[in-house]
Amino acid sequence: MSRNILLDSGPLGLVTQPRISPEVLGMNRWLLERLSSGDAVFVPAIIYYELRRELLRAQKTAGLARLDAFVQIDSSRYWLSFA
């Protein structure tokens, strides 16, 4: 049974983190398992905006690039509303 999964800013930050750590590796492993099992992963617009704003403030260009790439991989991943 596939599920729809909404990423909050914490997990999304780990998925798009360019530095490797055990926590980042664990999150990426979990995400790959979810996608491989047929689950759909969505990024709510407000979460995308929140993380993007923080990455811009901190001038983390690699993180920004990874965030944009993650959302653009699947055009349905960016979720605008709960309606």
N, C-alpha and C. Protein backbone atom coordinates (compact mmCIF):
# COMPACT_ATOMS: atom_id res chain seq x y z
N MET A 1 0.84 -1.18 0.00
CA MET A 1 0.00 0.00 0.00
C MET A 1 0.89 1.25 0.00
N SER A 2 0.73 2.07 -1.00
CA SER A 2 1.55 3.29 -1.06
C SER A 2 0.93 4.40 -0.22
N ARG A 3 1.80 5.29 0.22
CA ARG A 3 1.38 6.39 1.08
C ARG A 3 1.82 7.71 0.47
N ASN A 4 1.15 8.78 0.86
CA ASN A 4 1.58 10.14 0.55
C ASN A 4 2.31 10.68 1.77
N ILE A 5 3.53 11.14 1.57
CA ILE A 5 4.36 11.62 2.67
C ILE A 5 4.68 13.08 2.45
N LEU A 6 4.42 13.91 3.45
CA LEU A 6 4.76 15.33 3.41
C LEU A 6 6.01 15.54 4.24
N LEU A 7 7.02 16.16 3.64
CA LEU A 7 8.26 16.42 4.38
C LEU A 7 8.16 17.74 5.12
N ASP A 8 8.54 17.74 6.37
CA ASP A 8 8.65 18.95 7.16
C ASP A 8 10.05 19.53 6.91
N SER A 9 10.33 20.70 7.46
CA SER A 9 11.60 21.38 7.19
C SER A 9 12.81 20.61 7.72
N GLY A 10 12.67 19.92 8.83
CA GLY A 10 13.80 19.15 9.38
C GLY A 10 14.24 18.03 8.45
N PRO A 11 13.33 17.11 8.10
CA PRO A 11 13.70 16.05 7.16
C PRO A 11 14.13 16.58 5.79
N LEU A 12 13.44 17.61 5.30
CA LEU A 12 13.81 18.18 4.01
C LEU A 12 15.21 18.78 4.07
N GLY A 13 15.53 19.43 5.17
CA GLY A 13 16.88 19.98 5.35
C GLY A 13 17.94 18.90 5.32
N LEU A 14 17.64 17.76 5.92
CA LEU A 14 18.60 16.65 5.90
C LEU A 14 18.74 16.06 4.50
N VAL A 15 17.63 15.93 3.79
CA VAL A 15 17.67 15.38 2.43
C VAL A 15 18.51 16.26 1.50
N THR A 16 18.47 17.56 1.71
CA THR A 16 19.17 18.49 0.81
C THR A 16 20.52 18.95 1.38
N GLN A 17 20.91 18.42 2.50
CA GLN A 17 22.19 18.78 3.14
C GLN A 17 23.37 18.25 2.31
N PRO A 18 24.28 19.13 1.89
CA PRO A 18 25.43 18.66 1.11
C PRO A 18 26.50 17.94 1.94
N ARG A 19 26.57 18.23 3.24
CA ARG A 19 27.56 17.55 4.09
C ARG A 19 27.04 16.19 4.51
N ILE A 20 27.94 15.23 4.52
CA ILE A 20 27.58 13.87 4.87
C ILE A 20 27.75 13.66 6.38
N SER A 21 26.72 13.10 6.99
CA SER A 21 26.76 12.73 8.40
C SER A 21 25.90 11.47 8.55
N PRO A 22 26.01 10.78 9.66
CA PRO A 22 25.15 9.60 9.85
C PRO A 22 23.66 9.93 9.76
N GLU A 23 23.27 11.10 10.28
CA GLU A 23 21.87 11.51 10.23
C GLU A 23 21.41 11.78 8.80
N VAL A 24 22.26 12.43 8.02
CA VAL A 24 21.95 12.71 6.60
C VAL A 24 21.85 11.40 5.83
N LEU A 25 22.80 10.50 6.04
CA LEU A 25 22.77 9.21 5.36
C LEU A 25 21.52 8.42 5.73
N GLY A 26 21.15 8.45 6.99
CA GLY A 26 19.95 7.75 7.44
C GLY A 26 18.69 8.30 6.79
N MET A 27 18.59 9.62 6.71
CA MET A 27 17.42 10.24 6.11
C MET A 27 17.34 9.92 4.62
N ASN A 28 18.48 9.98 3.94
CA ASN A 28 18.48 9.67 2.52
C ASN A 28 18.15 8.20 2.27
N ARG A 29 18.62 7.32 3.11
CA ARG A 29 18.29 5.90 3.00
C ARG A 29 16.79 5.69 3.19
N TRP A 30 16.23 6.32 4.21
CA TRP A 30 14.79 6.23 4.47
C TRP A 30 14.00 6.74 3.26
N LEU A 31 14.41 7.88 2.71
CA LEU A 31 13.71 8.45 1.56
C LEU A 31 13.76 7.51 0.35
N LEU A 32 14.92 6.96 0.07
CA LEU A 32 15.03 6.02 -1.05
C LEU A 32 14.16 4.79 -0.83
N GLU A 33 14.09 4.30 0.39
CA GLU A 33 13.22 3.16 0.69
C GLU A 33 11.76 3.50 0.46
N ARG A 34 11.36 4.69 0.88
CA ARG A 34 9.97 5.12 0.70
C ARG A 34 9.64 5.23 -0.79
N LEU A 35 10.51 5.88 -1.56
CA LEU A 35 10.27 6.04 -2.99
C LEU A 35 10.27 4.70 -3.71
N SER A 36 11.17 3.81 -3.31
CA SER A 36 11.26 2.48 -3.92
C SER A 36 10.02 1.64 -3.64
N SER A 37 9.38 1.89 -2.51
CA SER A 37 8.18 1.13 -2.16
C SER A 37 6.92 1.70 -2.80
N GLY A 38 7.07 2.78 -3.57
CA GLY A 38 5.92 3.37 -4.26
C GLY A 38 5.26 4.52 -3.55
N ASP A 39 5.80 4.92 -2.40
CA ASP A 39 5.24 6.07 -1.69
C ASP A 39 5.52 7.35 -2.48
N ALA A 40 4.62 8.31 -2.36
CA ALA A 40 4.80 9.62 -2.99
C ALA A 40 5.29 10.60 -1.92
N VAL A 41 6.32 11.37 -2.24
CA VAL A 41 6.90 12.33 -1.30
C VAL A 41 6.61 13.73 -1.81
N PHE A 42 6.03 14.56 -0.94
CA PHE A 42 5.67 15.92 -1.31
C PHE A 42 6.36 16.93 -0.40
N VAL A 43 6.62 18.11 -0.96
CA VAL A 43 7.18 19.23 -0.21
C VAL A 43 6.14 20.34 -0.21
N PRO A 44 5.49 20.59 0.92
CA PRO A 44 4.52 21.70 0.99
C PRO A 44 5.21 23.04 0.68
N ALA A 45 4.49 23.89 -0.02
CA ALA A 45 5.05 25.17 -0.44
C ALA A 45 5.60 25.97 0.74
N ILE A 46 4.90 25.97 1.86
CA ILE A 46 5.35 26.76 3.02
C ILE A 46 6.67 26.21 3.57
N ILE A 47 6.84 24.89 3.54
CA ILE A 47 8.08 24.28 4.02
C ILE A 47 9.22 24.61 3.07
N TYR A 48 8.95 24.54 1.77
CA TYR A 48 9.96 24.90 0.77
C TYR A 48 10.41 26.35 0.99
N TYR A 49 9.44 27.24 1.15
CA TYR A 49 9.75 28.66 1.36
C TYR A 49 10.57 28.86 2.63
N GLU A 50 10.17 28.19 3.70
CA GLU A 50 10.85 28.33 4.99
C GLU A 50 12.32 27.89 4.90
N LEU A 51 12.56 26.73 4.30
CA LEU A 51 13.93 26.24 4.18
C LEU A 51 14.73 27.10 3.20
N ARG A 52 14.11 27.47 2.10
CA ARG A 52 14.81 28.30 1.10
C ARG A 52 15.23 29.64 1.71
N ARG A 53 14.34 30.25 2.49
CA ARG A 53 14.65 31.53 3.12
C ARG A 53 15.85 31.40 4.05
N GLU A 54 15.91 30.32 4.83
CA GLU A 54 17.03 30.12 5.75
C GLU A 54 18.33 29.85 4.99
N LEU A 55 18.26 29.07 3.92
CA LEU A 55 19.47 28.81 3.13
C LEU A 55 19.98 30.09 2.47
N LEU A 56 19.08 30.93 2.00
CA LEU A 56 19.48 32.22 1.41
C LEU A 56 20.12 33.12 2.48
N ARG A 57 19.50 33.17 3.66
CA ARG A 57 20.04 34.00 4.73
C ARG A 57 21.45 33.57 5.11
N ALA A 58 21.67 32.27 5.16
CA ALA A 58 22.97 31.73 5.56
C ALA A 58 23.95 31.63 4.38
N GLN A 59 23.51 32.04 3.21
CA GLN A 59 24.33 32.00 1.99
C GLN A 59 24.87 30.60 1.70
N LYS A 60 24.00 29.62 1.83
CA LYS A 60 24.36 28.22 1.59
C LYS A 60 23.92 27.83 0.18
N THR A 61 24.75 28.18 -0.79
CA THR A 61 24.39 27.98 -2.19
C THR A 61 24.29 26.50 -2.58
N ALA A 62 25.13 25.66 -2.01
CA ALA A 62 25.05 24.23 -2.33
C ALA A 62 23.74 23.64 -1.83
N GLY A 63 23.33 24.03 -0.64
CA GLY A 63 22.06 23.57 -0.10
C GLY A 63 20.88 24.05 -0.93
N LEU A 64 20.95 25.32 -1.38
CA LEU A 64 19.90 25.86 -2.26
C LEU A 64 19.79 25.07 -3.55
N ALA A 65 20.92 24.76 -4.14
CA ALA A 65 20.93 24.00 -5.39
C ALA A 65 20.33 22.61 -5.18
N ARG A 66 20.66 21.98 -4.08
CA ARG A 66 20.14 20.64 -3.79
C ARG A 66 18.63 20.69 -3.50
N LEU A 67 18.19 21.73 -2.79
CA LEU A 67 16.76 21.89 -2.52
C LEU A 67 15.99 22.04 -3.83
N ASP A 68 16.44 22.93 -4.69
CA ASP A 68 15.76 23.14 -5.97
C ASP A 68 15.77 21.88 -6.83
N ALA A 69 16.89 21.18 -6.85
CA ALA A 69 16.99 19.95 -7.64
C ALA A 69 16.03 18.89 -7.09
N PHE A 70 15.93 18.76 -5.79
CA PHE A 70 15.05 17.77 -5.19
C PHE A 70 13.60 18.03 -5.56
N VAL A 71 13.20 19.28 -5.53
CA VAL A 71 11.81 19.63 -5.84
C VAL A 71 11.55 19.48 -7.34
N GLN A 72 12.53 19.79 -8.18
CA GLN A 72 12.33 19.76 -9.63
C GLN A 72 12.42 18.35 -10.23
N ILE A 73 12.96 17.39 -9.51
CA ILE A 73 13.07 16.02 -10.02
C ILE A 73 11.70 15.48 -10.42
N ASP A 74 10.70 15.79 -9.63
CA ASP A 74 9.34 15.34 -9.88
C ASP A 74 8.43 16.56 -9.81
N SER A 75 7.83 16.93 -10.93
CA SER A 75 7.05 18.17 -10.98
C SER A 75 5.85 18.15 -10.03
N SER A 76 5.40 16.98 -9.62
CA SER A 76 4.27 16.91 -8.69
C SER A 76 4.71 16.96 -7.23
N ARG A 77 6.02 17.02 -6.99
CA ARG A 77 6.53 16.99 -5.61
C ARG A 77 6.22 18.28 -4.84
N TYR A 78 6.22 19.41 -5.53
CA TYR A 78 5.94 20.70 -4.89
C TYR A 78 4.45 20.82 -4.67
N TRP A 79 4.04 20.88 -3.42
CA TRP A 79 2.63 20.84 -3.08
C TRP A 79 2.15 22.20 -2.61
N LEU A 80 1.20 22.79 -3.36
CA LEU A 80 0.77 24.14 -3.08
C LEU A 80 -0.28 24.27 -1.98
N SER A 81 -1.13 23.27 -1.82
CA SER A 81 -2.19 23.43 -0.83
C SER A 81 -2.65 22.11 -0.29
N PHE A 82 -3.48 22.18 0.73
CA PHE A 82 -4.05 20.99 1.34
C PHE A 82 -5.44 20.70 0.80
N ALA A 83 -5.89 21.46 -0.17
CA ALA A 83 -7.25 21.29 -0.71
C ALA A 83 -7.34 20.11 -1.64
